[in-house]
Amino acid sequence: MSTRDHGGNLDDARATYGAGGWIDLSTGINRRPYPVPQLPASVWTALPTAQAQQDLIAAAARAYGAAPATILPLAGAQAAIQLYPRLRPAEQAAVLSPTYNEHAAALRGAGWRVRTAETPGALAGADLAVVVNPNNPDGQSFEPGALAALATQVGLLVVDESFADPVPERSLAGRVGDRVLVLRSFGKFYGLAGVRLGFALAGAGLRARLHDMAGPWAVSGPAQFIGTLALRDDGWARDTRRRLAADAARLDALARRAGWRLVGGTELFRTYATPDAAQAQDRLARRHIWSRVFPYSATWIRLGLPDGAEWDRVEAALGGLSDG
């Protein structure tokens, strides 16, 4: 079994720097999660019900501005990434890069020939093309109209919108079809990655095939309950978008004082250019703050957004970097 490079690898940090009160900023997961109430006993003891699934689909359709018939709940966006390479015969795929590495890995694992592309225009002609919008880790973002036009130039366009919740106006969720597949993550914006919930949005044909691949009970009862509750909470989503935007600006200011240059990001993570990313990660880790660096860049470092009292430790750590 191959191991791929990811954030969230806090076990590695502990093994190198010791146990203790870590602040894990190596992912783009909201550090202030949706408040989960006590769950009914039935969601733990009974199989997930068809009605609970329909309630979840209705809540997601409303939150994402999509038709309920296009939405398939899955065990995270990652589950969709494992499935969609099997929707078409394995031929030539193109992935807008650099980006989340699971797309290319899943495609190659299913027999696809994968090339990387540096611009959306370079994706044209591919049998399957992948765009992460907004992109991870550089935050590059694309207008829905431009992506819809791109879909006419490829066999199947997969748009991974795992970080789109803070910018719903960028979503292609309302324009899916049999040549456009959209992936959504629940756990990142709602800060509940352990729930393992996500969605594939597609036209009837693609959705039916994905449903068959996923099999029955692809989403747990607790995930159905929590997802429905959170996706219906417009006030929480609105307040969270506002807070994350302010926090992103706050982290950018601290990074500038440390001598880092903003590469890009979203309202859930920020990516900076540093003189030496490995050294910067090491110095933060010695203060038990874990970050994300990338095998393809010696200078990029990515940080999620701290919350609450974490800000004091992050500010002190970044101030220490600026002091040399």
Protein backbone atom coordinates (compact mmCIF):
# COMPACT_ATOMS: atom_id res chain seq x y z
CA MET A 1 0.00 0.00 0.00
CA SER A 2 1.46 3.36 -1.04
CA THR A 3 1.52 6.32 1.33
CA ARG A 4 0.80 9.71 -0.19
CA ASP A 5 1.76 13.11 1.12
CA HIS A 6 -1.03 14.82 3.10
CA GLY A 7 -1.74 17.32 5.81
CA GLY A 8 -3.34 16.09 9.00
CA ASN A 9 -0.35 13.82 9.66
CA LEU A 10 -0.07 14.85 13.30
CA ASP A 11 1.27 11.42 14.26
CA ASP A 12 4.43 12.26 12.29
CA ALA A 13 4.80 15.55 14.13
CA ARG A 14 4.43 13.87 17.53
CA ALA A 15 6.94 11.19 16.60
CA THR A 16 9.54 13.81 15.72
CA TYR A 17 8.82 16.65 18.15
CA GLY A 18 7.06 14.91 21.03
CA ALA A 19 3.56 14.79 22.45
CA GLY A 20 1.81 17.80 23.93
CA GLY A 21 -0.72 20.48 23.14
CA TRP A 22 -0.43 20.64 19.38
CA ILE A 23 -2.20 23.16 17.17
CA ASP A 24 -2.79 21.33 13.90
CA LEU A 25 -2.80 23.88 11.09
CA SER A 26 -1.65 21.37 8.48
CA THR A 27 -5.14 21.04 6.99
CA GLY A 28 -7.78 23.44 5.70
CA ILE A 29 -10.33 22.27 8.26
CA ASN A 30 -12.26 24.95 10.15
CA ARG A 31 -10.86 25.05 13.70
CA ARG A 32 -14.21 26.18 15.11
CA PRO A 33 -16.54 23.29 14.23
CA TYR A 34 -20.27 23.29 13.95
CA PRO A 35 -21.72 22.63 17.45
CA VAL A 36 -23.00 19.07 17.40
CA PRO A 37 -25.87 18.37 19.83
CA GLN A 38 -26.56 15.05 21.49
CA LEU A 39 -27.64 12.62 18.80
CA PRO A 40 -30.73 10.39 19.03
CA ALA A 41 -29.88 6.83 20.02
CA SER A 42 -31.53 5.53 16.85
CA VAL A 43 -28.84 7.00 14.57
CA TRP A 44 -26.33 4.74 16.30
CA THR A 45 -28.42 1.60 16.58
CA ALA A 46 -30.44 1.46 13.34
CA LEU A 47 -29.33 1.28 9.74
CA PRO A 48 -29.42 4.66 7.97
CA THR A 49 -32.93 5.25 6.69
CA ALA A 50 -34.14 6.32 3.27
CA GLN A 51 -36.00 9.26 4.82
CA ALA A 52 -32.89 10.49 6.61
CA GLN A 53 -31.03 10.25 3.30
CA GLN A 54 -33.70 12.31 1.54
CA ASP A 55 -33.60 14.90 4.32
CA LEU A 56 -29.82 15.17 3.91
CA ILE A 57 -30.14 15.52 0.13
CA ALA A 58 -32.75 18.27 0.50
CA ALA A 59 -30.55 20.16 2.96
CA ALA A 60 -27.52 19.88 0.67
CA ALA A 61 -29.53 20.94 -2.39
CA ARG A 62 -30.68 24.08 -0.59
CA ALA A 63 -27.21 24.88 0.75
CA TYR A 64 -25.45 24.35 -2.57
CA GLY A 65 -28.10 25.78 -4.90
CA ALA A 66 -28.54 22.49 -6.74
CA ALA A 67 -31.39 20.20 -7.74
CA PRO A 68 -31.99 17.37 -5.24
CA ALA A 69 -31.99 14.81 -8.06
CA THR A 70 -28.35 15.64 -8.80
CA ILE A 71 -26.99 15.01 -5.29
CA LEU A 72 -25.42 11.79 -4.01
CA PRO A 73 -24.17 11.75 -0.39
CA LEU A 74 -20.94 9.83 0.14
CA ALA A 75 -18.40 9.19 2.89
CA GLY A 76 -16.47 12.38 2.18
CA ALA A 77 -15.30 13.95 -1.07
CA GLN A 78 -12.48 11.40 -0.95
CA ALA A 79 -14.99 8.61 -1.52
CA ALA A 80 -16.07 10.32 -4.73
CA ILE A 81 -12.43 10.68 -5.81
CA GLN A 82 -12.00 6.93 -5.44
CA LEU A 83 -15.10 6.26 -7.54
CA TYR A 84 -15.20 8.69 -10.45
CA PRO A 85 -12.20 7.25 -12.37
CA ARG A 86 -14.41 4.19 -13.01
CA LEU A 87 -17.15 6.22 -14.71
CA ARG A 88 -15.45 6.11 -18.11
CA PRO A 89 -12.96 3.81 -19.86
CA ALA A 90 -9.45 4.70 -18.68
CA GLU A 91 -7.86 6.87 -21.35
CA GLN A 92 -6.14 10.27 -21.12
CA ALA A 93 -6.79 12.47 -18.06
CA ALA A 94 -5.51 15.96 -17.35
CA VAL A 95 -5.28 17.55 -13.89
CA LEU A 96 -4.83 21.27 -13.35
CA SER A 97 -1.73 21.36 -11.15
CA PRO A 98 -0.26 21.66 -8.61
CA THR A 99 -3.26 20.51 -6.63
CA TYR A 100 -4.62 17.89 -4.23
CA ASN A 101 -2.62 14.79 -5.11
CA GLU A 102 -5.39 12.21 -4.62
CA HIS A 103 -6.98 13.03 -7.98
CA ALA A 104 -3.98 12.00 -10.06
CA ALA A 105 -3.25 9.06 -7.76
CA ALA A 106 -6.81 7.69 -7.98
CA LEU A 107 -6.85 8.11 -11.76
CA ARG A 108 -3.52 6.35 -12.21
CA GLY A 109 -4.67 3.60 -9.87
CA ALA A 110 -7.63 3.00 -12.19
CA GLY A 111 -5.40 2.79 -15.25
CA TRP A 112 -5.68 6.34 -16.62
CA ARG A 113 -2.75 8.06 -18.30
CA VAL A 114 -2.47 11.34 -16.39
CA ARG A 115 -0.83 14.55 -17.52
CA THR A 116 -0.62 17.78 -15.57
CA ALA A 117 -1.71 21.13 -16.92
CA GLU A 118 -0.70 24.58 -15.73
CA THR A 119 -3.68 26.45 -17.22
CA PRO A 120 -7.33 25.54 -17.78
CA GLY A 121 -6.84 25.91 -21.51
CA ALA A 122 -4.24 23.13 -21.45
CA LEU A 123 -6.94 20.72 -20.21
CA ALA A 124 -8.79 20.88 -23.54
CA GLY A 125 -8.99 17.61 -25.41
CA ALA A 126 -8.67 15.38 -22.36
CA ASP A 127 -11.08 12.48 -21.96
CA LEU A 128 -11.38 13.50 -18.31
CA ALA A 129 -10.19 16.77 -16.77
CA VAL A 130 -9.93 17.78 -13.12
CA VAL A 131 -10.08 21.30 -11.67
CA VAL A 132 -10.04 22.02 -7.94
CA ASN A 133 -11.94 25.28 -7.42
CA PRO A 134 -10.78 27.07 -5.33
CA ASN A 135 -7.52 25.24 -5.73
CA ASN A 136 -5.51 23.64 -2.96
CA PRO A 137 -2.86 24.81 -2.14
CA ASP A 138 -2.54 28.07 -4.11
CA GLY A 139 -6.18 29.23 -3.86
CA GLN A 140 -6.52 29.88 -7.58
CA SER A 141 -10.21 30.31 -8.39
CA PHE A 142 -12.25 30.15 -11.58
CA GLU A 143 -15.60 31.60 -12.61
CA PRO A 144 -18.41 29.08 -13.14
CA GLY A 145 -19.00 30.33 -16.68
CA ALA A 146 -15.40 29.64 -17.66
CA LEU A 147 -15.60 26.13 -16.25
CA ALA A 148 -18.90 25.48 -18.01
CA ALA A 149 -17.23 26.48 -21.29
CA LEU A 150 -14.29 24.19 -20.52
CA ALA A 151 -16.70 21.28 -20.03
CA THR A 152 -17.57 21.47 -23.74
CA GLN A 153 -13.91 20.83 -24.60
CA VAL A 154 -13.33 17.66 -22.56
CA GLY A 155 -15.04 14.31 -22.20
CA LEU A 156 -15.87 14.71 -18.50
CA LEU A 157 -15.04 17.68 -16.28
CA VAL A 158 -14.60 16.96 -12.57
CA VAL A 159 -14.70 20.07 -10.39
CA ASP A 160 -13.61 19.53 -6.80
CA GLU A 161 -15.28 22.24 -4.70
CA SER A 162 -14.05 21.02 -1.32
CA PHE A 163 -13.12 24.59 -0.31
CA ALA A 164 -16.01 26.40 -2.02
CA ASP A 165 -18.32 26.89 0.98
CA PRO A 166 -16.91 30.34 1.82
CA VAL A 167 -17.43 31.46 -1.82
CA PRO A 168 -20.75 29.92 -2.96
CA GLU A 169 -20.90 32.27 -5.94
CA ARG A 170 -17.98 30.30 -7.48
CA SER A 171 -19.82 26.98 -7.41
CA LEU A 172 -20.81 25.02 -10.48
CA ALA A 173 -23.23 22.92 -8.41
CA GLY A 174 -26.26 24.24 -10.24
CA ARG A 175 -24.84 23.39 -13.67
CA VAL A 176 -23.94 19.73 -13.42
CA GLY A 177 -24.86 17.22 -16.11
CA ASP A 178 -23.55 14.10 -17.77
CA ARG A 179 -20.32 15.91 -18.68
CA VAL A 180 -19.88 17.85 -15.43
CA LEU A 181 -19.31 16.24 -12.02
CA VAL A 182 -18.97 18.42 -8.92
CA LEU A 183 -17.54 17.20 -5.60
CA ARG A 184 -18.33 18.86 -2.28
CA SER A 185 -16.78 18.30 1.14
CA PHE A 186 -18.83 18.75 4.30
CA GLY A 187 -16.08 18.32 6.90
CA LYS A 188 -13.80 21.21 5.97
CA PHE A 189 -16.11 24.23 6.28
CA TYR A 190 -18.13 22.70 9.11
CA GLY A 191 -14.97 21.59 10.92
CA LEU A 192 -16.19 18.01 11.26
CA ALA A 193 -13.83 16.00 9.07
CA GLY A 194 -14.25 12.93 11.26
CA VAL A 195 -17.92 12.68 10.27
CA ARG A 196 -16.75 11.61 6.78
CA LEU A 197 -19.43 13.23 4.69
CA GLY A 198 -19.32 14.68 1.20
CA PHE A 199 -21.36 14.83 -1.97
CA ALA A 200 -21.10 14.09 -5.67
CA LEU A 201 -23.35 16.24 -7.87
CA ALA A 202 -24.03 15.01 -11.38
CA GLY A 203 -26.59 14.44 -14.09
CA ALA A 204 -28.92 11.46 -13.83
CA GLY A 205 -26.72 9.00 -15.67
CA LEU A 206 -23.52 9.72 -13.77
CA ARG A 207 -25.31 9.92 -10.45
CA ALA A 208 -26.98 6.54 -10.98
CA ARG A 209 -23.68 4.88 -11.79
CA LEU A 210 -21.95 6.43 -8.78
CA HIS A 211 -24.84 5.32 -6.59
CA ASP A 212 -24.43 1.75 -7.80
CA MET A 213 -20.67 1.87 -7.14
CA ALA A 214 -21.10 3.27 -3.64
CA GLY A 215 -23.65 0.65 -2.63
CA PRO A 216 -26.21 0.85 0.16
CA TRP A 217 -25.59 2.85 3.34
CA ALA A 218 -22.67 4.82 1.93
CA VAL A 219 -23.28 7.46 4.63
CA SER A 220 -23.69 6.60 8.31
CA GLY A 221 -26.74 7.52 10.37
CA PRO A 222 -24.79 9.98 12.56
CA ALA A 223 -23.39 11.65 9.43
CA GLN A 224 -26.88 11.98 7.95
CA PHE A 225 -28.22 13.58 11.12
CA ILE A 226 -25.32 15.99 11.66
CA GLY A 227 -25.08 16.94 7.99
CA THR A 228 -28.79 17.72 7.71
CA LEU A 229 -28.73 19.84 10.84
CA ALA A 230 -25.65 21.82 9.85
CA LEU A 231 -26.54 22.37 6.20
CA ARG A 232 -29.90 23.84 7.24
CA ASP A 233 -28.24 26.38 9.56
CA ASP A 234 -27.95 29.45 7.34
CA GLY A 235 -27.08 31.75 10.23
CA TRP A 236 -24.10 29.67 11.31
CA ALA A 237 -22.81 29.49 7.74
CA ARG A 238 -23.18 33.25 7.25
CA ASP A 239 -21.40 34.09 10.51
CA THR A 240 -18.66 31.57 9.79
CA ARG A 241 -17.95 33.00 6.35
CA ARG A 242 -17.61 36.45 7.88
CA ARG A 243 -15.30 35.22 10.66
CA LEU A 244 -13.08 33.17 8.35
CA ALA A 245 -12.57 36.12 5.99
CA ALA A 246 -11.42 38.29 8.89
CA ASP A 247 -9.18 35.53 10.25
CA ALA A 248 -7.56 35.00 6.85
CA ALA A 249 -6.64 38.69 6.71
CA ARG A 250 -5.31 38.49 10.27
CA LEU A 251 -3.05 35.55 9.46
CA ASP A 252 -1.80 37.27 6.30
CA ALA A 253 -0.76 40.27 8.38
CA LEU A 254 1.18 38.07 10.81
CA ALA A 255 2.87 36.26 7.93
CA ARG A 256 3.93 39.52 6.31
CA ARG A 257 5.60 40.59 9.56
CA ALA A 258 7.46 37.28 9.55
CA GLY A 259 8.78 38.10 6.07
CA TRP A 260 6.57 35.62 4.21
CA ARG A 261 4.87 36.41 0.88
CA LEU A 262 1.29 35.35 0.23
CA VAL A 263 1.06 32.81 -2.60
CA GLY A 264 -2.70 32.46 -2.26
CA GLY A 265 -5.30 30.51 -0.40
CA THR A 266 -8.92 30.37 0.61
CA GLU A 267 -10.82 31.45 3.71
CA LEU A 268 -9.89 28.04 5.19
CA PHE A 269 -6.12 28.04 4.58
CA ARG A 270 -3.31 30.34 3.46
CA THR A 271 -0.18 29.44 1.49
CA TYR A 272 3.00 31.49 1.78
CA ALA A 273 6.42 31.63 0.12
CA THR A 274 9.25 31.50 2.64
CA PRO A 275 13.05 31.44 2.26
CA ASP A 276 13.06 27.78 3.41
CA ALA A 277 9.75 25.98 3.98
CA ALA A 278 11.25 22.97 5.77
CA GLN A 279 13.09 25.23 8.18
CA ALA A 280 9.96 27.30 8.80
CA GLN A 281 7.94 24.15 9.48
CA ASP A 282 10.62 22.90 11.87
CA ARG A 283 10.68 26.14 13.85
CA LEU A 284 6.90 26.20 14.16
CA ALA A 285 6.85 22.52 15.12
CA ARG A 286 9.27 23.16 17.98
CA ARG A 287 6.45 25.31 19.37
CA HIS A 288 3.99 22.48 18.67
CA ILE A 289 2.32 24.19 15.72
CA TRP A 290 2.03 21.83 12.77
CA SER A 291 1.95 23.13 9.20
CA ARG A 292 2.01 21.74 5.68
CA VAL A 293 4.90 21.78 3.24
CA PHE A 294 4.99 20.31 -0.25
CA PRO A 295 7.37 17.91 -2.01
CA TYR A 296 7.30 20.00 -5.18
CA SER A 297 8.26 23.32 -3.56
CA ALA A 298 11.16 24.21 -1.27
CA THR A 299 9.53 27.51 -0.31
CA TRP A 300 5.75 27.00 0.07
CA ILE A 301 4.19 26.49 3.47
CA ARG A 302 0.46 26.27 4.16
CA LEU A 303 -1.36 27.12 7.38
CA GLY A 304 -4.95 26.60 8.36
CA LEU A 305 -6.59 29.38 10.36
CA PRO A 306 -6.16 29.33 14.15
CA ASP A 307 -9.08 29.90 16.48
CA GLY A 308 -9.52 31.39 19.93
CA ALA A 309 -6.51 31.19 22.22
CA GLU A 310 -4.51 29.52 19.45
CA TRP A 311 -3.93 32.94 17.92
CA ASP A 312 -1.64 34.00 20.78
CA ARG A 313 0.65 31.03 20.25
CA VAL A 314 0.69 31.44 16.47
CA GLU A 315 1.41 35.17 16.73
CA ALA A 316 4.28 34.51 19.15
CA ALA A 317 5.69 31.79 16.90
CA LEU A 318 5.55 33.91 13.75
CA GLY A 319 7.02 36.83 15.66
CA GLY A 320 9.90 34.57 16.67
CA LEU A 321 10.49 33.75 13.02
CA SER A 322 10.73 37.43 12.13
CA ASP A 323 13.25 37.88 14.95
CA GLY A 324 15.43 35.26 13.30
